[in-house]
Protein backbone atom coordinates (compact mmCIF):
# COMPACT_ATOMS: atom_id res chain seq x y z
CA MET A 1 0.03 0.02 0.07
CA LYS A 2 2.96 2.41 0.82
CA ALA A 3 4.55 1.52 -2.37
CA VAL A 4 1.44 2.52 -4.34
CA THR A 5 1.10 5.81 -2.48
CA SER A 6 4.61 6.62 -3.26
CA ILE A 7 4.17 6.00 -6.89
CA THR A 8 0.96 7.94 -6.91
CA PHE A 9 2.73 10.82 -5.21
CA VAL A 10 5.59 10.82 -7.73
CA PHE A 11 3.25 10.63 -10.61
CA ILE A 12 1.26 13.66 -9.37
CA LEU A 13 4.55 15.71 -8.61
CA SER A 14 5.77 14.96 -12.17
CA LEU A 15 2.53 16.34 -13.65
CA LEU A 16 2.80 19.40 -11.44
CA LEU A 17 6.47 19.97 -12.44
CA GLY A 18 5.56 19.34 -16.03
CA SER A 19 2.82 22.14 -15.86
CA PHE A 20 5.33 24.53 -14.39
CA SER A 21 7.72 23.73 -17.14
CA ILE A 22 5.11 24.44 -19.87
CA ALA A 23 4.09 27.64 -18.12
CA ASP A 24 7.75 28.69 -17.92
CA ALA A 25 8.35 27.82 -21.65
CA HIS A 26 5.42 29.87 -22.51
CA ALA A 27 6.62 32.93 -20.39
CA LYS A 28 10.05 32.71 -22.02
CA THR A 29 8.71 32.54 -25.56
CA GLY A 30 6.11 35.18 -24.94
CA LYS A 31 3.32 32.85 -25.95
CA ARG A 32 0.07 32.61 -24.11
CA ALA A 33 -2.97 30.20 -24.43
CA VAL A 34 -5.62 31.35 -26.81
CA LYS A 35 -8.92 32.10 -25.14
CA ASP A 36 -11.88 30.53 -26.52
CA GLY A 37 -13.96 33.75 -26.79
CA SER A 38 -16.31 32.99 -23.83
CA HIS A 39 -14.47 35.70 -21.81
CA ILE A 40 -15.68 38.51 -24.10
CA GLN A 41 -18.83 40.01 -22.59
CA PRO A 42 -19.62 36.71 -20.68
CA ASP A 43 -22.92 37.95 -19.43
CA ASN A 44 -24.04 39.29 -22.82
CA PHE A 45 -26.10 36.60 -24.68
CA TYR A 46 -26.33 38.95 -27.71
CA PRO A 47 -22.91 40.58 -28.42
CA ARG A 48 -22.69 42.93 -31.11
CA VAL A 49 -19.80 43.54 -33.53
CA LYS A 50 -19.33 46.29 -36.29
CA MET A 51 -17.82 44.99 -39.47
CA VAL A 52 -15.80 47.72 -41.28
CA THR A 53 -15.30 46.84 -44.86
CA SER A 54 -13.96 48.62 -47.98
CA MET A 55 -17.44 49.26 -49.12
CA GLY A 56 -18.99 50.40 -45.90
CA GLU A 57 -19.99 49.36 -42.35
CA PHE A 58 -22.71 47.11 -40.86
CA ILE A 59 -23.46 45.75 -37.49
CA VAL A 60 -24.20 42.09 -36.67
CA GLU A 61 -25.83 40.82 -33.56
CA LEU A 62 -24.65 37.46 -32.36
CA ASP A 63 -26.94 34.82 -30.56
CA ARG A 64 -24.74 33.26 -27.82
CA ARG A 65 -27.91 31.78 -26.26
CA LYS A 66 -28.60 29.56 -29.09
CA ALA A 67 -25.18 29.17 -30.65
CA PRO A 68 -22.65 29.67 -27.84
CA ILE A 69 -19.97 27.46 -29.67
CA SER A 70 -20.23 29.20 -32.99
CA VAL A 71 -20.35 32.70 -31.29
CA ASN A 72 -17.37 32.34 -28.96
CA ASN A 73 -15.37 30.76 -31.85
CA PHE A 74 -16.14 33.79 -33.97
CA LEU A 75 -15.29 36.06 -31.10
CA LYS A 76 -12.04 34.33 -30.51
CA TYR A 77 -10.84 35.27 -34.01
CA VAL A 78 -12.15 38.92 -33.62
CA ASP A 79 -10.28 39.16 -30.18
CA MET A 80 -7.07 38.00 -32.04
CA ARG A 81 -7.70 40.74 -34.67
CA SER A 82 -7.33 37.62 -37.19
CA TYR A 83 -10.29 38.89 -39.41
CA GLU A 84 -8.56 42.22 -40.11
CA ASP A 85 -7.72 42.68 -43.78
CA THR A 86 -9.35 39.44 -44.94
CA ILE A 87 -11.44 39.37 -48.05
CA PHE A 88 -14.96 38.24 -48.99
CA HIS A 89 -13.82 35.56 -51.37
CA ARG A 90 -17.03 33.97 -52.44
CA ILE A 91 -19.95 36.19 -53.65
CA ILE A 92 -23.08 34.94 -55.32
CA PRO A 93 -25.85 37.58 -55.86
CA GLY A 94 -28.94 36.56 -54.33
CA PHE A 95 -27.40 33.74 -52.47
CA VAL A 96 -24.22 34.30 -50.34
CA VAL A 97 -21.40 36.43 -49.18
CA GLN A 98 -18.55 34.39 -47.68
CA GLY A 99 -15.40 35.46 -46.12
CA GLY A 100 -13.04 35.30 -43.18
CA GLY A 101 -10.39 32.96 -44.58
CA TYR A 102 -8.09 34.57 -46.95
CA THR A 103 -5.89 37.87 -47.26
CA ALA A 104 -6.10 40.00 -50.16
CA GLU A 105 -3.20 38.01 -51.70
CA PHE A 106 -5.46 34.85 -51.25
CA GLU A 107 -3.11 33.47 -48.55
CA PRO A 108 -5.13 31.27 -46.14
CA LYS A 109 -5.36 32.57 -42.64
CA PRO A 110 -4.40 30.30 -39.80
CA SER A 111 -7.12 28.00 -38.24
CA LEU A 112 -7.57 27.19 -34.60
CA GLY A 113 -9.34 23.94 -35.16
CA THR A 114 -12.74 22.75 -36.00
CA ILE A 115 -15.82 23.21 -33.93
CA PHE A 116 -19.00 21.36 -33.30
CA ASN A 117 -21.97 21.96 -35.71
CA GLU A 118 -24.83 23.99 -33.90
CA SER A 119 -27.20 23.63 -37.06
CA GLY A 120 -29.91 22.20 -34.78
CA ASN A 121 -30.26 25.27 -32.71
CA GLY A 122 -33.45 26.48 -34.16
CA LEU A 123 -31.91 29.38 -36.07
CA LYS A 124 -32.62 29.34 -39.81
CA ASN A 125 -30.64 30.33 -42.80
CA GLU A 126 -32.81 33.23 -43.53
CA THR A 127 -31.90 36.60 -45.33
CA TYR A 128 -29.19 38.65 -43.66
CA THR A 129 -28.12 35.83 -41.14
CA ILE A 130 -24.57 34.93 -40.57
CA ALA A 131 -23.66 31.30 -40.34
CA MET A 132 -20.47 29.09 -40.20
CA ALA A 133 -19.04 27.95 -43.51
CA ARG A 134 -17.64 24.27 -43.63
CA GLN A 135 -16.57 21.35 -45.75
CA ASN A 136 -18.69 18.14 -46.34
CA ASP A 137 -17.87 16.89 -42.79
CA PRO A 138 -20.59 18.44 -40.72
CA HIS A 139 -18.05 19.37 -37.97
CA SER A 140 -15.28 20.96 -40.22
CA ALA A 141 -16.10 24.67 -39.59
CA THR A 142 -13.20 26.64 -38.40
CA ARG A 143 -13.04 30.56 -39.13
CA GLN A 144 -14.85 31.19 -42.35
CA PHE A 145 -18.55 32.50 -42.28
CA TYR A 146 -21.10 33.56 -44.70
CA PHE A 147 -24.15 35.75 -44.94
CA ASN A 148 -27.35 34.58 -46.45
CA MET A 149 -28.66 36.85 -48.98
CA ARG A 150 -31.96 34.99 -49.16
CA ASP A 151 -33.88 32.45 -47.29
CA THR A 152 -32.27 29.11 -48.03
CA PRO A 153 -33.98 26.33 -46.20
CA SER A 154 -31.90 23.82 -48.05
CA LEU A 155 -28.91 24.86 -45.62
CA ASP A 156 -30.90 24.06 -42.69
CA PRO A 157 -30.80 20.68 -40.83
CA GLY A 158 -33.10 17.83 -41.90
CA ARG A 159 -32.18 14.32 -42.43
CA ASN A 160 -28.69 15.60 -42.64
CA TRP A 161 -26.60 18.18 -40.81
CA GLY A 162 -27.26 21.71 -41.76
CA TYR A 163 -25.08 24.86 -41.54
CA ALA A 164 -25.11 26.71 -38.17
CA VAL A 165 -26.52 30.12 -38.05
CA PHE A 166 -25.33 32.21 -35.13
CA GLY A 167 -26.43 35.74 -35.65
CA TYR A 168 -27.96 38.29 -38.11
CA VAL A 169 -27.27 41.71 -39.59
CA ALA A 170 -28.90 44.23 -37.34
CA GLU A 171 -27.89 47.43 -39.05
CA GLY A 172 -26.46 48.27 -42.41
CA SER A 173 -28.01 45.51 -44.52
CA ASP A 174 -27.83 47.86 -47.49
CA VAL A 175 -24.01 47.73 -47.41
CA LEU A 176 -24.25 43.95 -47.57
CA ASP A 177 -26.45 44.12 -50.51
CA SER A 178 -23.96 46.30 -52.39
CA ILE A 179 -21.26 43.79 -51.62
CA SER A 180 -23.27 40.89 -52.94
CA GLU A 181 -23.66 42.70 -56.32
CA VAL A 182 -19.97 43.17 -57.11
CA GLU A 183 -18.64 41.64 -60.35
CA THR A 184 -16.88 38.32 -59.90
CA GLN A 185 -14.73 35.87 -61.93
CA TYR A 186 -12.92 32.57 -61.73
CA SER A 187 -9.81 32.83 -59.67
CA MET A 188 -6.73 30.88 -60.66
CA ASP A 189 -5.28 31.64 -57.26
CA LEU A 190 -8.18 29.94 -55.38
CA ARG A 191 -9.14 27.67 -58.10
CA ALA A 192 -12.84 28.88 -57.64
CA PRO A 193 -15.47 30.85 -59.26
CA ASP A 194 -17.43 33.73 -57.74
CA VAL A 195 -14.28 35.63 -56.56
CA PRO A 196 -14.67 39.43 -56.69
CA ILE A 197 -12.67 41.08 -59.39
CA THR A 198 -11.93 44.02 -57.17
CA PRO A 199 -11.22 42.77 -53.61
CA VAL A 200 -13.83 43.44 -50.97
CA VAL A 201 -11.80 43.72 -47.81
CA LEU A 202 -12.99 43.22 -44.27
CA GLN A 203 -10.76 45.83 -42.76
CA LYS A 204 -11.68 45.13 -39.17
CA VAL A 205 -14.21 43.87 -36.76
CA ILE A 206 -14.95 45.83 -33.72
CA ILE A 207 -16.69 44.44 -30.71
CA LEU A 208 -19.41 47.05 -29.56
CA PRO A 209 -19.93 47.89 -25.79
CA ALA A 210 -22.47 45.72 -24.05
CA PRO A 211 -25.84 47.31 -23.38
CA THR A 212 -26.40 48.77 -19.81
CA PHE A 213 -29.84 48.47 -18.13
């Protein structure tokens, strides 16, 4: 029994020393753990952000009550200023405006991992909503998002997973309308169609103050 206790003590001590070593390493290199976004206005279920683009500004209200994972994930990238100077790289009039993943030079921005698909949260892919873009794998969303430019029930969950909506455009939808109408072409850089000829740049995303009651 004493031998088992000693082994347990040594194991716990090694874990503690290991954690201190990792913390010291981060301190020496200047690195810090990336927060998950839940620290931003944690008591506000509906944080708002202002999106400043090369074609104007609009405000998006996020729904943390119904889509906490998606909202916190989005705010995490905002907090890191990782959306600054990215482009809307996929624009289809009357359908979608997608961005958040590339620089104006078509360089992919770094991802911090995939998130769980919250498409069953009750929010629908309706006009002016914002949702997470993903690959065929339902849980493959990382940092890219899109705006619905029409009601698209085919993107909602049914027999299969849908695309997770996590907010809507609260002000400035006319700016988004203008963005959705820009001229596009096939891009050899992205190997994809529907890429704006003149880049539409998301210059910054600003977290707006929480309301006071």
